[in-house]
PDB file of N, CA and C in Angstrom:
ATOM      1  N   MET A   1     140.520   3.125 108.085  1.00  0.00           N
ATOM      2  CA  MET A   1     140.190   4.164 109.492  1.00  0.00           C
ATOM      3  C   MET A   1     139.646   4.743 108.961  1.00  0.00           C
ATOM      4  N   ILE A   2     139.536   5.881 107.905  1.00  0.00           N
ATOM      5  CA  ILE A   2     138.648   6.694 106.923  1.00  0.00           C
ATOM      6  C   ILE A   2     137.452   6.844 106.525  1.00  0.00           C
ATOM      7  N   TRP A   3     137.173   5.008 105.899  1.00  0.00           N
ATOM      8  CA  TRP A   3     136.129   4.831 105.931  1.00  0.00           C
ATOM      9  C   TRP A   3     135.260   4.720 106.601  1.00  0.00           C
ATOM     10  N   ILE A   4     135.695   4.159 108.452  1.00  0.00           N
ATOM     11  CA  ILE A   4     134.743   3.820 109.250  1.00  0.00           C
ATOM     12  C   ILE A   4     134.259   5.224 109.415  1.00  0.00           C
ATOM     13  N   ILE A   5     135.501   6.437 110.391  1.00  0.00           N
ATOM     14  CA  ILE A   5     135.219   8.044 110.329  1.00  0.00           C
ATOM     15  C   ILE A   5     133.503   8.618 108.965  1.00  0.00           C
ATOM     16  N   SER A   6     134.305   8.188 107.884  1.00  0.00           N
ATOM     17  CA  SER A   6     133.456   8.617 106.867  1.00  0.00           C
ATOM     18  C   SER A   6     131.900   8.168 107.179  1.00  0.00           C
ATOM     19  N   ILE A   7     131.551   7.148 106.830  1.00  0.00           N
ATOM     20  CA  ILE A   7     130.602   6.586 106.878  1.00  0.00           C
ATOM     21  C   ILE A   7     129.848   7.027 108.363  1.00  0.00           C
ATOM     22  N   ALA A   8     130.523   6.795 109.478  1.00  0.00           N
ATOM     23  CA  ALA A   8     129.683   7.501 111.154  1.00  0.00           C
ATOM     24  C   ALA A   8     129.694   8.837 110.893  1.00  0.00           C
ATOM     25  N   LEU A   9     129.996   9.431 110.124  1.00  0.00           N
ATOM     26  CA  LEU A   9     129.504  11.743 109.578  1.00  0.00           C
ATOM     27  C   LEU A   9     128.543  11.220 109.021  1.00  0.00           C
ATOM     28  N   SER A  10     128.393  10.431 107.964  1.00  0.00           N
ATOM     29  CA  SER A  10     127.326  10.602 107.022  1.00  0.00           C
ATOM     30  C   SER A  10     126.535  10.105 107.539  1.00  0.00           C
ATOM     31  N   LEU A  11     126.457   8.971 108.197  1.00  0.00           N
ATOM     32  CA  LEU A  11     124.960   8.399 109.371  1.00  0.00           C
ATOM     33  C   LEU A  11     124.738   9.557 110.106  1.00  0.00           C
ATOM     34  N   GLY A  12     125.520  10.078 110.720  1.00  0.00           N
ATOM     35  CA  GLY A  12     125.201  11.096 112.313  1.00  0.00           C
ATOM     36  C   GLY A  12     124.731  12.341 111.437  1.00  0.00           C
ATOM     37  N   PHE A  13     125.049  12.485 110.591  1.00  0.00           N
ATOM     38  CA  PHE A  13     124.362  13.658 109.590  1.00  0.00           C
ATOM     39  C   PHE A  13     122.594  13.365 108.881  1.00  0.00           C
ATOM     40  N   LYS A  14     122.565  12.061 108.327  1.00  0.00           N
ATOM     41  CA  LYS A  14     121.568  11.267 107.886  1.00  0.00           C
ATOM     42  C   LYS A  14     120.755  11.360 109.336  1.00  0.00           C
ATOM     43  N   ILE A  15     120.866  11.025 110.072  1.00  0.00           N
ATOM     44  CA  ILE A  15     120.051  10.907 111.465  1.00  0.00           C
ATOM     45  C   ILE A  15     119.313  12.347 111.847  1.00  0.00           C
ATOM     46  N   TYR A  16     120.423  13.422 111.993  1.00  0.00           N
ATOM     47  CA  TYR A  16     120.548  14.727 112.415  1.00  0.00           C
ATOM     48  C   TYR A  16     119.449  15.198 111.698  1.00  0.00           C
ATOM     49  N   GLY A  17     119.531  14.971 110.047  1.00  0.00           N
ATOM     50  CA  GLY A  17     118.644  16.013 108.963  1.00  0.00           C
ATOM     51  C   GLY A  17     117.122  15.238 109.121  1.00  0.00           C
ATOM     52  N   LEU A  18     117.093  13.505 109.710  1.00  0.00           N
ATOM     53  CA  LEU A  18     115.590  13.288 109.730  1.00  0.00           C
ATOM     54  C   LEU A  18     114.862  13.773 110.927  1.00  0.00           C
ATOM     55  N   LYS A  19     115.305  13.611 111.574  1.00  0.00           N
ATOM     56  CA  LYS A  19     115.036  14.458 112.857  1.00  0.00           C
ATOM     57  C   LYS A  19     114.821  16.315 112.989  1.00  0.00           C
ATOM     58  N   HIS A  20     115.778  17.215 112.556  1.00  0.00           N
ATOM     59  CA  HIS A  20     115.195  18.180 112.504  1.00  0.00           C
ATOM     60  C   HIS A  20     115.589  18.702 110.811  1.00  0.00           C
ATOM     61  N   SER A  21     114.801  18.050 109.681  1.00  0.00           N
ATOM     62  CA  SER A  21     114.240  18.679 108.464  1.00  0.00           C
ATOM     63  C   SER A  21     113.949  19.754 108.225  1.00  0.00           C
ATOM     64  N   GLU A  22     112.942  20.555 109.300  1.00  0.00           N
ATOM     65  CA  GLU A  22     112.751  21.664 109.270  1.00  0.00           C
ATOM     66  C   GLU A  22     113.952  22.545 109.611  1.00  0.00           C
ATOM     67  N   GLN A  23     114.297  22.603 109.741  1.00  0.00           N
ATOM     68  CA  GLN A  23     116.162  23.744 109.774  1.00  0.00           C
ATOM     69  C   GLN A  23     117.114  23.491 108.644  1.00  0.00           C
ATOM     70  N   LEU A  24     116.615  22.741 108.098  1.00  0.00           N
ATOM     71  CA  LEU A  24     118.169  22.309 106.882  1.00  0.00           C
ATOM     72  C   LEU A  24     116.929  22.435 105.279  1.00  0.00           C
ATOM     73  N   SER A  25     117.621  23.973 105.158  1.00  0.00           N
ATOM     74  CA  SER A  25     117.252  23.825 103.813  1.00  0.00           C
ATOM     75  C   SER A  25     118.308  24.256 102.456  1.00  0.00           C
ATOM     76  N   ILE A  26     118.598  22.727 102.399  1.00  0.00           N
ATOM     77  CA  ILE A  26     119.080  22.491 100.845  1.00  0.00           C
ATOM     78  C   ILE A  26     118.955  23.267  99.857  1.00  0.00           C
ATOM     79  N   ASN A  27     119.822  24.329  99.196  1.00  0.00           N
ATOM     80  CA  ASN A  27     119.543  24.576  97.894  1.00  0.00           C
ATOM     81  C   ASN A  27     120.305  23.679  96.666  1.00  0.00           C
ATOM     82  N   TYR A  28     119.347  22.749  96.145  1.00  0.00           N
ATOM     83  CA  TYR A  28     120.014  21.797  95.193  1.00  0.00           C
ATOM     84  C   TYR A  28     121.202  22.414  94.136  1.00  0.00           C
ATOM     85  N   GLU A  29     121.000  23.662  93.536  1.00  0.00           N
ATOM     86  CA  GLU A  29     121.941  24.465  92.343  1.00  0.00           C
ATOM     87  C   GLU A  29     122.893  24.343  93.304  1.00  0.00           C
ATOM     88  N   ILE A  30     123.709  24.272  94.655  1.00  0.00           N
ATOM     89  CA  ILE A  30     124.085  24.740  95.351  1.00  0.00           C
ATOM     90  C   ILE A  30     125.081  23.620  95.316  1.00  0.00           C
ATOM     91  N   VAL A  31     124.824  22.658  96.028  1.00  0.00           N
ATOM     92  CA  VAL A  31     124.970  21.336  96.172  1.00  0.00           C
ATOM     93  C   VAL A  31     125.058  20.568  94.380  1.00  0.00           C
ATOM     94  N   ILE A  32     125.025  20.738  93.901  1.00  0.00           N
ATOM     95  CA  ILE A  32     125.027  20.407  92.176  1.00  0.00           C
ATOM     96  C   ILE A  32     126.582  20.935  92.370  1.00  0.00           C
ATOM     97  N   LEU A  33     126.874  22.408  92.799  1.00  0.00           N
ATOM     98  CA  LEU A  33     127.584  22.998  92.504  1.00  0.00           C
ATOM     99  C   LEU A  33     129.225  22.302  92.914  1.00  0.00           C
ATOM    100  N   LEU A  34     129.196  22.557  94.159  1.00  0.00           N
ATOM    101  CA  LEU A  34     129.635  22.041  94.623  1.00  0.00           C
ATOM    102  C   LEU A  34     130.342  20.389  94.833  1.00  0.00           C
ATOM    103  N   VAL A  35     129.349  20.005  94.111  1.00  0.00           N
ATOM    104  CA  VAL A  35     129.870  18.225  93.870  1.00  0.00           C
ATOM    105  C   VAL A  35     130.547  18.088  92.502  1.00  0.00           C
ATOM    106  N   PHE A  36     129.913  19.113  91.192  1.00  0.00           N
ATOM    107  CA  PHE A  36     130.434  19.418  90.007  1.00  0.00           C
ATOM    108  C   PHE A  36     131.800  20.074  89.892  1.00  0.00           C
ATOM    109  N   ALA A  37     131.536  21.059  90.284  1.00  0.00           N
ATOM    110  CA  ALA A  37     132.606  22.017  89.902  1.00  0.00           C
ATOM    111  C   ALA A  37     133.669  21.626  89.971  1.00  0.00           C
ATOM    112  N   PRO A  38     134.741  20.690  91.179  1.00  0.00           N
ATOM    113  CA  PRO A  38     135.918  20.756  91.317  1.00  0.00           C
ATOM    114  C   PRO A  38     136.470  19.854  89.421  1.00  0.00           C
ATOM    115  N   SER A  39     135.687  18.182  89.660  1.00  0.00           N
ATOM    116  CA  SER A  39     136.020  17.711  89.073  1.00  0.00           C
ATOM    117  C   SER A  39     136.050  18.505  87.358  1.00  0.00           C
ATOM    118  N   LEU A  40     134.483  19.395  86.940  1.00  0.00           N
ATOM    119  CA  LEU A  40     135.028  20.377  85.608  1.00  0.00           C
ATOM    120  C   LEU A  40     136.395  20.695  85.721  1.00  0.00           C
ATOM    121  N   ILE A  41     136.435  21.567  86.965  1.00  0.00           N
ATOM    122  CA  ILE A  41     138.053  23.078  86.815  1.00  0.00           C
ATOM    123  C   ILE A  41     138.635  21.643  86.548  1.00  0.00           C
ATOM    124  N   VAL A  42     139.115  20.501  86.735  1.00  0.00           N
ATOM    125  CA  VAL A  42     140.541  19.685  86.931  1.00  0.00           C
ATOM    126  C   VAL A  42     140.103  18.605  85.393  1.00  0.00           C
ATOM    127  N   THR A  43     139.122  18.510  84.691  1.00  0.00           N
ATOM    128  CA  THR A  43     139.182  17.987  83.287  1.00  0.00           C
ATOM    129  C   THR A  43     139.973  18.896  82.635  1.00  0.00           C
ATOM    130  N   MET A  44     139.129  20.295  82.990  1.00  0.00           N
ATOM    131  CA  MET A  44     139.196  21.867  81.840  1.00  0.00           C
ATOM    132  C   MET A  44     141.165  21.819  82.072  1.00  0.00           C
ATOM    133  N   ILE A  45     141.650  21.257  83.070  1.00  0.00           N
ATOM    134  CA  ILE A  45     143.088  22.109  83.596  1.00  0.00           C
ATOM    135  C   ILE A  45     143.216  21.054  82.717  1.00  0.00           C
ATOM    136  N   ILE A  46     143.110  19.565  82.623  1.00  0.00           N
ATOM    137  CA  ILE A  46     143.817  18.560  82.054  1.00  0.00           C
ATOM    138  C   ILE A  46     143.713  18.727  80.563  1.00  0.00           C
ATOM    139  N   ILE A  47     142.532  18.935  80.070  1.00  0.00           N
ATOM    140  CA  ILE A  47     142.954  19.437  78.250  1.00  0.00           C
ATOM    141  C   ILE A  47     143.306  19.828  78.105  1.00  0.00           C
ATOM    142  N   LEU A  48     143.477  21.238  78.887  1.00  0.00           N
ATOM    143  CA  LEU A  48     144.269  22.370  78.618  1.00  0.00           C
ATOM    144  C   LEU A  48     145.710  22.137  78.212  1.00  0.00           C
ATOM    145  N   LYS A  49     146.539  21.203  79.396  1.00  0.00           N
ATOM    146  CA  LYS A  49     147.562  20.617  79.621  1.00  0.00           C
ATOM    147  C   LYS A  49     148.113  19.953  78.052  1.00  0.00           C
ATOM    148  N   LYS A  50     146.722  19.418  77.889  1.00  0.00           N
ATOM    149  CA  LYS A  50     147.267  17.927  76.533  1.00  0.00           C
ATOM    150  C   LYS A  50     147.149  18.644  75.409  1.00  0.00           C
ATOM    151  N   LEU A  51     146.530  19.904  75.509  1.00  0.00           N
ATOM    152  CA  LEU A  51     145.967  20.719  74.498  1.00  0.00           C
ATOM    153  C   LEU A  51     147.202  21.577  73.750  1.00  0.00           C
ATOM    154  N   LEU A  52     148.065  22.177  75.267  1.00  0.00           N
ATOM    155  CA  LEU A  52     149.662  23.005  75.366  1.00  0.00           C
ATOM    156  C   LEU A  52     150.641  22.827  74.545  1.00  0.00           C
ATOM    157  N   LYS A  53     150.662  20.967  75.279  1.00  0.00           N
ATOM    158  CA  LYS A  53     151.841  19.803  74.672  1.00  0.00           C
ATOM    159  C   LYS A  53     152.163  19.938  73.604  1.00  0.00           C
ATOM    160  N   ASN A  54     150.748  19.843  72.656  1.00  0.00           N
ATOM    161  CA  ASN A  54     151.124  19.670  71.043  1.00  0.00           C
ATOM    162  C   ASN A  54     151.436  20.683  70.500  1.00  0.00           C
TER     163      ASN A  54
END
């Protein structure tokens, strides 16, 4: 069920973006930070926990 909703939302946003491309100004640096920052933070926390255990 979650996959269907996710795919429908992504297709909806893609179609909207294709029709109204002049209104969407995306700063790619912010997108990269939003995608990779949480995983980097989690990785750093896991490494710190392992280092502090030893």
